[in-house]
Structure formats: structure tokens, C-alpha cells
Amino acid sequence: MKSTLEPQDTDRLNTQLNRVKFFMLSGEWKTLREIADHVQGSEAGVSARLRDLRNKYHYTVNRRRVNDQGLWEYSVSTGSVQPVEYKWEGNQGAFL
């Protein structure tokens, strides 16, 4: 089943996706908590945006285990298979 988003959700999620993308393109390893704190979102939301980067936009999202309690770190690289278009609309950007 394909999910559809209301317009207000699309704007909010695209904005969060942009913040996660640009923060993570540094290539540094970050936990979900560190990413969420930086982009002012939830860990669940950040996890979903990392999946979007991997599945929809074909970025490489790496993860590595930090400890035995289930803590993971993530990094993102631009090894994209498909080019991602980015368009500025007003003061916010959007992926096309």
C-alpha cells in the first residue's frame, strides 16, 4: 500500500530530510540522538529520513555498532546511483 502525505506533511518532512542530508554529508559518524539534536527532530524521524536517503535517493547510508547495548552510528556518502535534484522554493528547499 502506497502512503500519501498531506501537503503540510510533505513540506515538514522535506525540510527535515534536507537538514539530515546536509548535516550527514560531512561523512562523520553520528548516532541517531546526535543527528536528532542537531536537526531538531526525533530519533524515529531521523531514522526514517536516513531510510529515505538510502531507498528513495540512493545515497549510501553506513552504520556501525558502537556498543553491546544496541547503539549504532551512521554516516552518509554521496555515492548516489541516481542524481538528486534540489530546488529552492522560497526559503526552503525540496527534493524533486
PDB file of N, CA and C in Angstrom:
ATOM      1  N   MET A   1       0.836  -1.172   0.000  1.00  0.00           N
ATOM      2  CA  MET A   1       0.000   0.000   0.000  1.00  0.00           C
ATOM      3  C   MET A   1       0.887   1.244   0.000  1.00  0.00           C
ATOM      4  N   LYS A   2       0.645   2.116  -0.931  1.00  0.00           N
ATOM      5  CA  LYS A   2       1.424   3.350  -1.045  1.00  0.00           C
ATOM      6  C   LYS A   2       0.837   4.412  -0.127  1.00  0.00           C
ATOM      7  N   SER A   3       1.704   5.047   0.661  1.00  0.00           N
ATOM      8  CA  SER A   3       1.206   6.087   1.554  1.00  0.00           C
ATOM      9  C   SER A   3       1.217   7.432   0.843  1.00  0.00           C
ATOM     10  N   THR A   4       0.245   8.243   1.177  1.00  0.00           N
ATOM     11  CA  THR A   4       0.185   9.597   0.642  1.00  0.00           C
ATOM     12  C   THR A   4       0.287  10.560   1.806  1.00  0.00           C
ATOM     13  N   LEU A   5       0.886  11.683   1.552  1.00  0.00           N
ATOM     14  CA  LEU A   5       1.078  12.693   2.586  1.00  0.00           C
ATOM     15  C   LEU A   5       0.236  13.912   2.285  1.00  0.00           C
ATOM     16  N   GLU A   6      -0.239  14.519   3.330  1.00  0.00           N
ATOM     17  CA  GLU A   6      -0.907  15.801   3.189  1.00  0.00           C
ATOM     18  C   GLU A   6       0.149  16.845   2.827  1.00  0.00           C
ATOM     19  N   PRO A   7      -0.211  17.917   2.121  1.00  0.00           N
ATOM     20  CA  PRO A   7       0.769  18.936   1.736  1.00  0.00           C
ATOM     21  C   PRO A   7       1.579  19.480   2.910  1.00  0.00           C
ATOM     22  N   GLN A   8       0.942  19.710   4.067  1.00  0.00           N
ATOM     23  CA  GLN A   8       1.687  20.243   5.205  1.00  0.00           C
ATOM     24  C   GLN A   8       2.712  19.217   5.718  1.00  0.00           C
ATOM     25  N   ASP A   9       2.433  17.925   5.594  1.00  0.00           N
ATOM     26  CA  ASP A   9       3.390  16.904   5.999  1.00  0.00           C
ATOM     27  C   ASP A   9       4.556  16.840   5.019  1.00  0.00           C
ATOM     28  N   THR A  10       4.258  16.974   3.725  1.00  0.00           N
ATOM     29  CA  THR A  10       5.308  16.934   2.712  1.00  0.00           C
ATOM     30  C   THR A  10       6.330  18.037   2.948  1.00  0.00           C
ATOM     31  N   ASP A  11       5.880  19.247   3.187  1.00  0.00           N
ATOM     32  CA  ASP A  11       6.797  20.366   3.442  1.00  0.00           C
ATOM     33  C   ASP A  11       7.655  20.095   4.675  1.00  0.00           C
ATOM     34  N   ARG A  12       7.024  19.645   5.750  1.00  0.00           N
ATOM     35  CA  ARG A  12       7.749  19.397   7.003  1.00  0.00           C
ATOM     36  C   ARG A  12       8.781  18.290   6.818  1.00  0.00           C
ATOM     37  N   LEU A  13       8.393  17.193   6.166  1.00  0.00           N
ATOM     38  CA  LEU A  13       9.313  16.070   6.014  1.00  0.00           C
ATOM     39  C   LEU A  13      10.426  16.383   5.027  1.00  0.00           C
ATOM     40  N   ASN A  14      10.146  17.135   3.966  1.00  0.00           N
ATOM     41  CA  ASN A  14      11.209  17.546   3.048  1.00  0.00           C
ATOM     42  C   ASN A  14      12.215  18.442   3.759  1.00  0.00           C
ATOM     43  N   THR A  15      11.728  19.335   4.624  1.00  0.00           N
ATOM     44  CA  THR A  15      12.624  20.209   5.367  1.00  0.00           C
ATOM     45  C   THR A  15      13.511  19.393   6.293  1.00  0.00           C
ATOM     46  N   GLN A  16      12.930  18.415   6.985  1.00  0.00           N
ATOM     47  CA  GLN A  16      13.732  17.570   7.867  1.00  0.00           C
ATOM     48  C   GLN A  16      14.727  16.748   7.046  1.00  0.00           C
ATOM     49  N   LEU A  17      14.311  16.248   5.901  1.00  0.00           N
ATOM     50  CA  LEU A  17      15.200  15.483   5.031  1.00  0.00           C
ATOM     51  C   LEU A  17      16.387  16.338   4.618  1.00  0.00           C
ATOM     52  N   ASN A  18      16.141  17.590   4.253  1.00  0.00           N
ATOM     53  CA  ASN A  18      17.225  18.494   3.867  1.00  0.00           C
ATOM     54  C   ASN A  18      18.211  18.690   5.014  1.00  0.00           C
ATOM     55  N   ARG A  19      17.700  18.906   6.222  1.00  0.00           N
ATOM     56  CA  ARG A  19      18.572  19.128   7.369  1.00  0.00           C
ATOM     57  C   ARG A  19      19.414  17.892   7.663  1.00  0.00           C
ATOM     58  N   VAL A  20      18.801  16.716   7.616  1.00  0.00           N
ATOM     59  CA  VAL A  20      19.543  15.474   7.860  1.00  0.00           C
ATOM     60  C   VAL A  20      20.597  15.281   6.774  1.00  0.00           C
ATOM     61  N   LYS A  21      20.205  15.485   5.535  1.00  0.00           N
ATOM     62  CA  LYS A  21      21.135  15.281   4.414  1.00  0.00           C
ATOM     63  C   LYS A  21      22.366  16.173   4.549  1.00  0.00           C
ATOM     64  N   PHE A  22      22.157  17.456   4.710  1.00  0.00           N
ATOM     65  CA  PHE A  22      23.299  18.372   4.738  1.00  0.00           C
ATOM     66  C   PHE A  22      24.159  18.198   5.982  1.00  0.00           C
ATOM     67  N   PHE A  23      23.553  17.824   7.096  1.00  0.00           N
ATOM     68  CA  PHE A  23      24.336  17.546   8.302  1.00  0.00           C
ATOM     69  C   PHE A  23      25.176  16.287   8.122  1.00  0.00           C
ATOM     70  N   MET A  24      24.610  15.268   7.512  1.00  0.00           N
ATOM     71  CA  MET A  24      25.300  13.986   7.400  1.00  0.00           C
ATOM     72  C   MET A  24      26.284  13.919   6.234  1.00  0.00           C
ATOM     73  N   LEU A  25      26.203  14.826   5.291  1.00  0.00           N
ATOM     74  CA  LEU A  25      27.145  14.770   4.164  1.00  0.00           C
ATOM     75  C   LEU A  25      28.570  15.143   4.561  1.00  0.00           C
ATOM     76  N   SER A  26      28.782  15.489   5.828  1.00  0.00           N
ATOM     77  CA  SER A  26      30.148  15.701   6.312  1.00  0.00           C
ATOM     78  C   SER A  26      30.928  14.395   6.312  1.00  0.00           C
ATOM     79  N   GLY A  27      30.202  13.267   6.278  1.00  0.00           N
ATOM     80  CA  GLY A  27      30.850  11.961   6.293  1.00  0.00           C
ATOM     81  C   GLY A  27      31.215  11.472   7.678  1.00  0.00           C
ATOM     82  N   GLU A  28      30.956  12.277   8.699  1.00  0.00           N
ATOM     83  CA  GLU A  28      31.279  11.870  10.067  1.00  0.00           C
ATOM     84  C   GLU A  28      30.251  10.875  10.584  1.00  0.00           C
ATOM     85  N   TRP A  29      30.662  10.045  11.526  1.00  0.00           N
ATOM     86  CA  TRP A  29      29.781   9.078  12.152  1.00  0.00           C
ATOM     87  C   TRP A  29      29.004   9.763  13.267  1.00  0.00           C
ATOM     88  N   LYS A  30      27.681   9.583  13.262  1.00  0.00           N
ATOM     89  CA  LYS A  30      26.802  10.201  14.264  1.00  0.00           C
ATOM     90  C   LYS A  30      25.753   9.192  14.715  1.00  0.00           C
ATOM     91  N   THR A  31      25.352   9.272  15.987  1.00  0.00           N
ATOM     92  CA  THR A  31      24.245   8.459  16.479  1.00  0.00           C
ATOM     93  C   THR A  31      22.936   9.128  16.095  1.00  0.00           C
ATOM     94  N   LEU A  32      21.843   8.374  16.187  1.00  0.00           N
ATOM     95  CA  LEU A  32      20.536   8.962  15.907  1.00  0.00           C
ATOM     96  C   LEU A  32      20.260  10.136  16.835  1.00  0.00           C
ATOM     97  N   ARG A  33      20.646  10.013  18.101  1.00  0.00           N
ATOM     98  CA  ARG A  33      20.424  11.098  19.067  1.00  0.00           C
ATOM     99  C   ARG A  33      21.184  12.352  18.647  1.00  0.00           C
ATOM    100  N   GLU A  34      22.446  12.200  18.216  1.00  0.00           N
ATOM    101  CA  GLU A  34      23.238  13.363  17.788  1.00  0.00           C
ATOM    102  C   GLU A  34      22.612  14.034  16.567  1.00  0.00           C
ATOM    103  N   ILE A  35      22.145  13.228  15.629  1.00  0.00           N
ATOM    104  CA  ILE A  35      21.515  13.782  14.431  1.00  0.00           C
ATOM    105  C   ILE A  35      20.213  14.487  14.811  1.00  0.00           C
ATOM    106  N   ALA A  36      19.403  13.806  15.626  1.00  0.00           N
ATOM    107  CA  ALA A  36      18.112  14.372  16.036  1.00  0.00           C
ATOM    108  C   ALA A  36      18.304  15.689  16.778  1.00  0.00           C
ATOM    109  N   ASP A  37      19.285  15.759  17.658  1.00  0.00           N
ATOM    110  CA  ASP A  37      19.546  17.002  18.382  1.00  0.00           C
ATOM    111  C   ASP A  37      19.919  18.127  17.425  1.00  0.00           C
ATOM    112  N   HIS A  38      20.753  17.810  16.432  1.00  0.00           N
ATOM    113  CA  HIS A  38      21.213  18.836  15.502  1.00  0.00           C
ATOM    114  C   HIS A  38      20.087  19.342  14.600  1.00  0.00           C
ATOM    115  N   VAL A  39      19.247  18.426  14.115  1.00  0.00           N
ATOM    116  CA  VAL A  39      18.202  18.831  13.167  1.00  0.00           C
ATOM    117  C   VAL A  39      16.882  19.149  13.856  1.00  0.00           C
ATOM    118  N   GLN A  40      16.878  19.081  15.174  1.00  0.00           N
ATOM    119  CA  GLN A  40      15.695  19.377  15.981  1.00  0.00           C
ATOM    120  C   GLN A  40      14.522  18.483  15.596  1.00  0.00           C
ATOM    121  N   GLY A  41      14.781  17.176  15.608  1.00  0.00           N
ATOM    122  CA  GLY A  41      13.751  16.194  15.300  1.00  0.00           C
ATOM    123  C   GLY A  41      13.814  15.050  16.284  1.00  0.00           C
ATOM    124  N   SER A  42      13.027  14.028  16.017  1.00  0.00           N
ATOM    125  CA  SER A  42      13.032  12.838  16.865  1.00  0.00           C
ATOM    126  C   SER A  42      13.965  11.787  16.257  1.00  0.00           C
ATOM    127  N   GLU A  43      14.383  10.838  17.089  1.00  0.00           N
ATOM    128  CA  GLU A  43      15.219   9.754  16.583  1.00  0.00           C
ATOM    129  C   GLU A  43      14.458   8.929  15.552  1.00  0.00           C
ATOM    130  N   ALA A  44      13.167   8.697  15.776  1.00  0.00           N
ATOM    131  CA  ALA A  44      12.351   7.940  14.815  1.00  0.00           C
ATOM    132  C   ALA A  44      12.261   8.683  13.481  1.00  0.00           C
ATOM    133  N   GLY A  45      12.083  10.001  13.547  1.00  0.00           N
ATOM    134  CA  GLY A  45      12.019  10.798  12.328  1.00  0.00           C
ATOM    135  C   GLY A  45      13.328  10.786  11.569  1.00  0.00           C
ATOM    136  N   VAL A  46      14.436  10.902  12.303  1.00  0.00           N
ATOM    137  CA  VAL A  46      15.759  10.872  11.676  1.00  0.00           C
ATOM    138  C   VAL A  46      16.012   9.517  11.030  1.00  0.00           C
ATOM    139  N   SER A  47      15.642   8.456  11.727  1.00  0.00           N
ATOM    140  CA  SER A  47      15.802   7.115  11.170  1.00  0.00           C
ATOM    141  C   SER A  47      15.029   6.981   9.857  1.00  0.00           C
ATOM    142  N   ALA A  48      13.815   7.517   9.821  1.00  0.00           N
ATOM    143  CA  ALA A  48      13.006   7.475   8.593  1.00  0.00           C
ATOM    144  C   ALA A  48      13.655   8.288   7.482  1.00  0.00           C
ATOM    145  N   ARG A  49      14.221   9.453   7.812  1.00  0.00           N
ATOM    146  CA  ARG A  49      14.864  10.274   6.787  1.00  0.00           C
ATOM    147  C   ARG A  49      16.120   9.587   6.255  1.00  0.00           C
ATOM    148  N   LEU A  50      16.877   8.875   7.110  1.00  0.00           N
ATOM    149  CA  LEU A  50      18.036   8.121   6.629  1.00  0.00           C
ATOM    150  C   LEU A  50      17.586   7.022   5.669  1.00  0.00           C
ATOM    151  N   ARG A  51      16.468   6.371   5.970  1.00  0.00           N
ATOM    152  CA  ARG A  51      15.915   5.368   5.046  1.00  0.00           C
ATOM    153  C   ARG A  51      15.518   6.019   3.727  1.00  0.00           C
ATOM    154  N   ASP A  52      14.922   7.216   3.801  1.00  0.00           N
ATOM    155  CA  ASP A  52      14.568   7.923   2.574  1.00  0.00           C
ATOM    156  C   ASP A  52      15.814   8.207   1.735  1.00  0.00           C
ATOM    157  N   LEU A  53      16.881   8.666   2.381  1.00  0.00           N
ATOM    158  CA  LEU A  53      18.117   8.948   1.640  1.00  0.00           C
ATOM    159  C   LEU A  53      18.638   7.686   0.960  1.00  0.00           C
ATOM    160  N   ARG A  54      18.551   6.561   1.656  1.00  0.00           N
ATOM    161  CA  ARG A  54      19.045   5.305   1.097  1.00  0.00           C
ATOM    162  C   ARG A  54      18.101   4.763   0.021  1.00  0.00           C
ATOM    163  N   ASN A  55      16.825   4.667   0.324  1.00  0.00           N
ATOM    164  CA  ASN A  55      15.901   3.979  -0.577  1.00  0.00           C
ATOM    165  C   ASN A  55      15.372   4.842  -1.721  1.00  0.00           C
ATOM    166  N   LYS A  56      15.033   6.088  -1.446  1.00  0.00           N
ATOM    167  CA  LYS A  56      14.449   6.941  -2.479  1.00  0.00           C
ATOM    168  C   LYS A  56      15.495   7.684  -3.297  1.00  0.00           C
ATOM    169  N   TYR A  57      16.587   8.074  -2.654  1.00  0.00           N
ATOM    170  CA  TYR A  57      17.573   8.928  -3.322  1.00  0.00           C
ATOM    171  C   TYR A  57      18.900   8.240  -3.553  1.00  0.00           C
ATOM    172  N   HIS A  58      19.024   6.974  -3.151  1.00  0.00           N
ATOM    173  CA  HIS A  58      20.169   6.115  -3.448  1.00  0.00           C
ATOM    174  C   HIS A  58      21.505   6.622  -2.914  1.00  0.00           C
ATOM    175  N   TYR A  59      21.471   7.281  -1.764  1.00  0.00           N
ATOM    176  CA  TYR A  59      22.704   7.620  -1.077  1.00  0.00           C
ATOM    177  C   TYR A  59      23.177   6.386  -0.329  1.00  0.00           C
ATOM    178  N   THR A  60      24.453   6.331  -0.047  1.00  0.00           N
ATOM    179  CA  THR A  60      24.993   5.243   0.754  1.00  0.00           C
ATOM    180  C   THR A  60      24.897   5.642   2.218  1.00  0.00           C
ATOM    181  N   VAL A  61      24.122   4.874   2.984  1.00  0.00           N
ATOM    182  CA  VAL A  61      23.978   5.109   4.417  1.00  0.00           C
ATOM    183  C   VAL A  61      24.640   3.940   5.126  1.00  0.00           C
ATOM    184  N   ASN A  62      25.752   4.221   5.783  1.00  0.00           N
ATOM    185  CA  ASN A  62      26.508   3.195   6.502  1.00  0.00           C
ATOM    186  C   ASN A  62      26.120   3.209   7.970  1.00  0.00           C
ATOM    187  N   ARG A  63      26.232   2.074   8.614  1.00  0.00           N
ATOM    188  CA  ARG A  63      26.022   2.033  10.056  1.00  0.00           C
ATOM    189  C   ARG A  63      27.035   1.093  10.677  1.00  0.00           C
ATOM    190  N   ARG A  64      27.378   1.395  11.917  1.00  0.00           N
ATOM    191  CA  ARG A  64      28.295   0.540  12.661  1.00  0.00           C
ATOM    192  C   ARG A  64      27.868   0.513  14.122  1.00  0.00           C
ATOM    193  N   ARG A  65      28.063  -0.629  14.723  1.00  0.00           N
ATOM    194  CA  ARG A  65      27.678  -0.824  16.122  1.00  0.00           C
ATOM    195  C   ARG A  65      28.720  -0.172  17.021  1.00  0.00           C
ATOM    196  N   VAL A  66      28.245   0.578  18.015  1.00  0.00           N
ATOM    197  CA  VAL A  66      29.129   1.283  18.935  1.00  0.00           C
ATOM    198  C   VAL A  66      29.375   0.457  20.191  1.00  0.00           C
ATOM    199  N   ASN A  67      28.320  -0.204  20.688  1.00  0.00           N
ATOM    200  CA  ASN A  67      28.467  -0.984  21.915  1.00  0.00           C
ATOM    201  C   ASN A  67      27.517  -2.171  21.896  1.00  0.00           C
ATOM    202  N   ASP A  68      27.551  -2.958  22.977  1.00  0.00           N
ATOM    203  CA  ASP A  68      26.708  -4.147  23.055  1.00  0.00           C
ATOM    204  C   ASP A  68      25.282  -3.850  23.491  1.00  0.00           C
ATOM    205  N   GLN A  69      24.954  -2.598  23.789  1.00  0.00           N
ATOM    206  CA  GLN A  69      23.601  -2.240  24.198  1.00  0.00           C
ATOM    207  C   GLN A  69      22.732  -1.809  23.012  1.00  0.00           C
ATOM    208  N   GLY A  70      23.203  -1.992  21.808  1.00  0.00           N
ATOM    209  CA  GLY A  70      22.405  -1.680  20.624  1.00  0.00           C
ATOM    210  C   GLY A  70      22.555  -0.268  20.098  1.00  0.00           C
ATOM    211  N   LEU A  71      23.615   0.441  20.481  1.00  0.00           N
ATOM    212  CA  LEU A  71      23.844   1.793  19.973  1.00  0.00           C
ATOM    213  C   LEU A  71      24.572   1.708  18.640  1.00  0.00           C
ATOM    214  N   TRP A  72      24.043   2.431  17.661  1.00  0.00           N
ATOM    215  CA  TRP A  72      24.615   2.444  16.319  1.00  0.00           C
ATOM    216  C   TRP A  72      24.988   3.876  15.940  1.00  0.00           C
ATOM    217  N   GLU A  73      25.989   3.986  15.064  1.00  0.00           N
ATOM    218  CA  GLU A  73      26.352   5.267  14.451  1.00  0.00           C
ATOM    219  C   GLU A  73      26.121   5.141  12.950  1.00  0.00           C
ATOM    220  N   TYR A  74      25.845   6.274  12.331  1.00  0.00           N
ATOM    221  CA  TYR A  74      25.530   6.313  10.906  1.00  0.00           C
ATOM    222  C   TYR A  74      26.402   7.342  10.203  1.00  0.00           C
ATOM    223  N   SER A  75      26.707   7.066   8.940  1.00  0.00           N
ATOM    224  CA  SER A  75      27.360   8.048   8.081  1.00  0.00           C
ATOM    225  C   SER A  75      26.710   7.955   6.707  1.00  0.00           C
ATOM    226  N   VAL A  76      26.763   9.058   5.982  1.00  0.00           N
ATOM    227  CA  VAL A  76      26.142   9.127   4.654  1.00  0.00           C
ATOM    228  C   VAL A  76      27.202   9.592   3.667  1.00  0.00           C
ATOM    229  N   SER A  77      27.246   8.942   2.517  1.00  0.00           N
ATOM    230  CA  SER A  77      28.156   9.377   1.458  1.00  0.00           C
ATOM    231  C   SER A  77      27.361   9.604   0.182  1.00  0.00           C
ATOM    232  N   THR A  78      27.953  10.357  -0.721  1.00  0.00           N
ATOM    233  CA  THR A  78      27.250  10.781  -1.929  1.00  0.00           C
ATOM    234  C   THR A  78      27.357   9.774  -3.055  1.00  0.00           C
ATOM    235  N   GLY A  79      27.684   8.569  -2.771  1.00  0.00           N
ATOM    236  CA  GLY A  79      27.768   7.555  -3.815  1.00  0.00           C
ATOM    237  C   GLY A  79      26.403   7.229  -4.369  1.00  0.00           C
ATOM    238  N   SER A  80      25.710   8.247  -4.867  1.00  0.00           N
ATOM    239  CA  SER A  80      24.339   8.039  -5.338  1.00  0.00           C
ATOM    240  C   SER A  80      24.347   7.440  -6.733  1.00  0.00           C
ATOM    241  N   VAL A  81      23.409   6.560  -6.957  1.00  0.00           N
ATOM    242  CA  VAL A  81      23.247   5.929  -8.262  1.00  0.00           C
ATOM    243  C   VAL A  81      22.506   6.872  -9.193  1.00  0.00           C
ATOM    244  N   GLN A  82      21.493   7.540  -8.664  1.00  0.00           N
ATOM    245  CA  GLN A  82      20.713   8.490  -9.446  1.00  0.00           C
ATOM    246  C   GLN A  82      21.004   9.899  -8.946  1.00  0.00           C
ATOM    247  N   PRO A  83      21.092  10.861  -9.849  1.00  0.00           N
ATOM    248  CA  PRO A  83      21.252  12.235  -9.374  1.00  0.00           C
ATOM    249  C   PRO A  83      19.999  12.687  -8.649  1.00  0.00           C
ATOM    250  N   VAL A  84      20.184  13.470  -7.619  1.00  0.00           N
ATOM    251  CA  VAL A  84      19.070  14.013  -6.860  1.00  0.00           C
ATOM    252  C   VAL A  84      18.967  15.487  -7.185  1.00  0.00           C
ATOM    253  N   GLU A  85      17.799  15.895  -7.649  1.00  0.00           N
ATOM    254  CA  GLU A  85      17.598  17.308  -7.937  1.00  0.00           C
ATOM    255  C   GLU A  85      17.153  18.015  -6.676  1.00  0.00           C
ATOM    256  N   TYR A  86      17.651  19.199  -6.494  1.00  0.00           N
ATOM    257  CA  TYR A  86      17.307  20.003  -5.328  1.00  0.00           C
ATOM    258  C   TYR A  86      16.857  21.357  -5.834  1.00  0.00           C
ATOM    259  N   LYS A  87      15.702  21.790  -5.391  1.00  0.00           N
ATOM    260  CA  LYS A  87      15.141  23.038  -5.885  1.00  0.00           C
ATOM    261  C   LYS A  87      14.775  23.927  -4.699  1.00  0.00           C
ATOM    262  N   TRP A  88      15.199  25.174  -4.748  1.00  0.00           N
ATOM    263  CA  TRP A  88      14.832  26.137  -3.710  1.00  0.00           C
ATOM    264  C   TRP A  88      13.477  26.721  -4.025  1.00  0.00           C
ATOM    265  N   GLU A  89      12.603  26.701  -3.030  1.00  0.00           N
ATOM    266  CA  GLU A  89      11.286  27.315  -3.164  1.00  0.00           C
ATOM    267  C   GLU A  89      11.110  28.242  -1.972  1.00  0.00           C
ATOM    268  N   GLY A  90      11.224  29.503  -2.198  1.00  0.00           N
ATOM    269  CA  GLY A  90      11.156  30.451  -1.091  1.00  0.00           C
ATOM    270  C   GLY A  90      12.380  30.303  -0.219  1.00  0.00           C
ATOM    271  N   ASN A  91      12.176  30.126   1.085  1.00  0.00           N
ATOM    272  CA  ASN A  91      13.327  29.961   1.973  1.00  0.00           C
ATOM    273  C   ASN A  91      13.551  28.503   2.346  1.00  0.00           C
ATOM    274  N   GLN A  92      12.855  27.569   1.673  1.00  0.00           N
ATOM    275  CA  GLN A  92      13.038  26.152   1.942  1.00  0.00           C
ATOM    276  C   GLN A  92      13.393  25.443   0.650  1.00  0.00           C
ATOM    277  N   GLY A  93      14.156  24.372   0.775  1.00  0.00           N
ATOM    278  CA  GLY A  93      14.490  23.558  -0.381  1.00  0.00           C
ATOM    279  C   GLY A  93      13.597  22.338  -0.429  1.00  0.00           C
ATOM    280  N   ALA A  94      13.559  21.698  -1.561  1.00  0.00           N
ATOM    281  CA  ALA A  94      12.753  20.493  -1.703  1.00  0.00           C
ATOM    282  C   ALA A  94      13.444  19.559  -2.674  1.00  0.00           C
ATOM    283  N   PHE A  95      13.385  18.273  -2.389  1.00  0.00           N
ATOM    284  CA  PHE A  95      13.876  17.275  -3.325  1.00  0.00           C
ATOM    285  C   PHE A  95      12.797  16.996  -4.356  1.00  0.00           C
ATOM    286  N   LEU A  96      13.203  16.842  -5.588  1.00  0.00           N
ATOM    287  CA  LEU A  96      12.240  16.558  -6.648  1.00  0.00           C
ATOM    288  C   LEU A  96      12.331  15.109  -7.061  1.00  0.00           C
TER     289      LEU A  96
END
